[in-house]
Amino acid sequence: MCKYKDTSIGIKKLNFTEKRGMMVVYLTDGRVVMVPVSYFRDIKHMPVKERSKWFVLDDQYFTFENMSRVYSVKDVLNYNMVQQ
């Protein structure tokens, strides 16, 4: 788990079909975070079919079957902090 502002946060799952153009991230603390797919260039350029092949590593990172880059829960939360 990632310690972020005195809270242990992990990633439960990702969803790319819930809202068009958005990546919906379900966190272990119950929050749901939406981030535009365009925020992550690698994911934006990935074929839509490939986006369903994601997996979570150690509750705090995610990547995709055909991608070498690994993103963290902090990458997702940093987008939301910049927008506030």
C-alpha atoms as a PDB file:
ATOM      1  CA  MET A   1       0.000   0.000   0.000  1.00  0.00           C
ATOM      2  CA  CYS A   2       1.008   3.557  -0.631  1.00  0.00           C
ATOM      3  CA  LYS A   3       1.066   5.956   2.315  1.00  0.00           C
ATOM      4  CA  TYR A   4      -0.421   9.202   1.068  1.00  0.00           C
ATOM      5  CA  LYS A   5      -1.397  11.912   3.539  1.00  0.00           C
ATOM      6  CA  ASP A   6      -1.518   9.446   6.449  1.00  0.00           C
ATOM      7  CA  THR A   7      -3.816   7.074   4.560  1.00  0.00           C
ATOM      8  CA  SER A   8      -2.962   3.713   3.059  1.00  0.00           C
ATOM      9  CA  ILE A   9      -4.188   3.774  -0.509  1.00  0.00           C
ATOM     10  CA  GLY A  10      -4.096   1.066  -3.127  1.00  0.00           C
ATOM     11  CA  ILE A  11      -5.679   0.385  -6.487  1.00  0.00           C
ATOM     12  CA  LYS A  12      -8.523  -2.138  -6.686  1.00  0.00           C
ATOM     13  CA  LYS A  13      -9.398  -1.885 -10.357  1.00  0.00           C
ATOM     14  CA  LEU A  14      -9.461   0.263 -13.486  1.00  0.00           C
ATOM     15  CA  ASN A  15     -12.346   0.910 -15.846  1.00  0.00           C
ATOM     16  CA  PHE A  16     -12.138   2.480 -19.298  1.00  0.00           C
ATOM     17  CA  THR A  17     -15.750   1.952 -20.389  1.00  0.00           C
ATOM     18  CA  GLU A  18     -17.646   3.676 -17.588  1.00  0.00           C
ATOM     19  CA  LYS A  19     -17.185   7.184 -18.994  1.00  0.00           C
ATOM     20  CA  ARG A  20     -15.922   7.960 -22.483  1.00  0.00           C
ATOM     21  CA  GLY A  21     -12.388   9.366 -22.582  1.00  0.00           C
ATOM     22  CA  MET A  22     -11.822   8.715 -18.902  1.00  0.00           C
ATOM     23  CA  MET A  23      -9.951   6.171 -16.847  1.00  0.00           C
ATOM     24  CA  VAL A  24     -11.893   5.363 -13.684  1.00  0.00           C
ATOM     25  CA  VAL A  25      -9.698   4.142 -10.840  1.00  0.00           C
ATOM     26  CA  TYR A  26     -11.237   2.379  -7.847  1.00  0.00           C
ATOM     27  CA  LEU A  27      -9.103   2.811  -4.732  1.00  0.00           C
ATOM     28  CA  THR A  28      -8.912   0.549  -1.696  1.00  0.00           C
ATOM     29  CA  ASP A  29     -10.106   3.331   0.608  1.00  0.00           C
ATOM     30  CA  GLY A  30     -13.438   3.459  -1.266  1.00  0.00           C
ATOM     31  CA  ARG A  31     -12.772   6.495  -3.422  1.00  0.00           C
ATOM     32  CA  VAL A  32     -13.319   6.529  -7.148  1.00  0.00           C
ATOM     33  CA  VAL A  33     -11.018   8.789  -9.142  1.00  0.00           C
ATOM     34  CA  MET A  34     -11.574   9.766 -12.786  1.00  0.00           C
ATOM     35  CA  VAL A  35      -8.652  10.870 -14.920  1.00  0.00           C
ATOM     36  CA  PRO A  36      -8.776  11.751 -18.622  1.00  0.00           C
ATOM     37  CA  VAL A  37      -7.037   9.075 -20.657  1.00  0.00           C
ATOM     38  CA  SER A  38      -5.224  11.911 -22.435  1.00  0.00           C
ATOM     39  CA  TYR A  39      -3.313  12.614 -19.191  1.00  0.00           C
ATOM     40  CA  PHE A  40      -1.401   9.377 -19.780  1.00  0.00           C
ATOM     41  CA  ARG A  41      -0.020   9.600 -23.331  1.00  0.00           C
ATOM     42  CA  ASP A  42       0.996   5.934 -23.494  1.00  0.00           C
ATOM     43  CA  ILE A  43      -2.518   4.843 -22.542  1.00  0.00           C
ATOM     44  CA  LYS A  44      -4.166   7.366 -24.871  1.00  0.00           C
ATOM     45  CA  HIS A  45      -2.318   5.933 -27.862  1.00  0.00           C
ATOM     46  CA  MET A  46      -3.007   2.339 -26.853  1.00  0.00           C
ATOM     47  CA  PRO A  47      -5.741   0.557 -28.855  1.00  0.00           C
ATOM     48  CA  VAL A  48      -9.006   0.443 -26.912  1.00  0.00           C
ATOM     49  CA  LYS A  49      -8.950  -3.377 -26.845  1.00  0.00           C
ATOM     50  CA  GLU A  50      -5.512  -3.327 -25.199  1.00  0.00           C
ATOM     51  CA  ARG A  51      -6.743  -1.103 -22.360  1.00  0.00           C
ATOM     52  CA  SER A  52      -8.754  -3.997 -20.968  1.00  0.00           C
ATOM     53  CA  LYS A  53      -5.524  -5.948 -20.410  1.00  0.00           C
ATOM     54  CA  TRP A  54      -4.443  -4.036 -17.297  1.00  0.00           C
ATOM     55  CA  PHE A  55      -3.190  -5.465 -14.053  1.00  0.00           C
ATOM     56  CA  VAL A  56      -2.328  -4.147 -10.606  1.00  0.00           C
ATOM     57  CA  LEU A  57       1.061  -4.737  -8.985  1.00  0.00           C
ATOM     58  CA  ASP A  58       1.451  -4.674  -5.181  1.00  0.00           C
ATOM     59  CA  ASP A  59      -1.836  -2.741  -4.799  1.00  0.00           C
ATOM     60  CA  GLN A  60      -0.197   0.551  -5.761  1.00  0.00           C
ATOM     61  CA  TYR A  61       0.977   0.243  -9.369  1.00  0.00           C
ATOM     62  CA  PHE A  62      -0.737  -0.603 -12.624  1.00  0.00           C
ATOM     63  CA  THR A  63       0.424  -1.471 -16.097  1.00  0.00           C
ATOM     64  CA  PHE A  64      -0.812  -3.243 -19.188  1.00  0.00           C
ATOM     65  CA  GLU A  65       0.000  -6.529 -20.855  1.00  0.00           C
ATOM     66  CA  ASN A  66       1.791  -4.912 -23.808  1.00  0.00           C
ATOM     67  CA  MET A  67       3.361  -1.932 -22.045  1.00  0.00           C
ATOM     68  CA  SER A  68       6.694  -1.595 -20.303  1.00  0.00           C
ATOM     69  CA  ARG A  69       5.749   1.542 -18.368  1.00  0.00           C
ATOM     70  CA  VAL A  70       4.339   1.222 -14.857  1.00  0.00           C
ATOM     71  CA  TYR A  71       2.109   3.886 -13.279  1.00  0.00           C
ATOM     72  CA  SER A  72       1.456   4.373  -9.574  1.00  0.00           C
ATOM     73  CA  VAL A  73      -1.476   5.441  -7.442  1.00  0.00           C
ATOM     74  CA  LYS A  74       0.414   8.713  -6.945  1.00  0.00           C
ATOM     75  CA  ASP A  75       0.293   9.375 -10.699  1.00  0.00           C
ATOM     76  CA  VAL A  76      -3.490   9.147 -10.543  1.00  0.00           C
ATOM     77  CA  LEU A  77      -3.803  11.266  -7.403  1.00  0.00           C
ATOM     78  CA  ASN A  78      -1.347  13.882  -8.659  1.00  0.00           C
ATOM     79  CA  TYR A  79      -3.638  14.622 -11.602  1.00  0.00           C
ATOM     80  CA  ASN A  80      -6.516  15.366  -9.238  1.00  0.00           C
ATOM     81  CA  MET A  81      -4.346  17.576  -7.014  1.00  0.00           C
ATOM     82  CA  VAL A  82      -3.221  19.646 -10.009  1.00  0.00           C
ATOM     83  CA  GLN A  83      -6.863  20.165 -11.040  1.00  0.00           C
ATOM     84  CA  GLN A  84      -7.981  21.514  -7.660  1.00  0.00           C
END
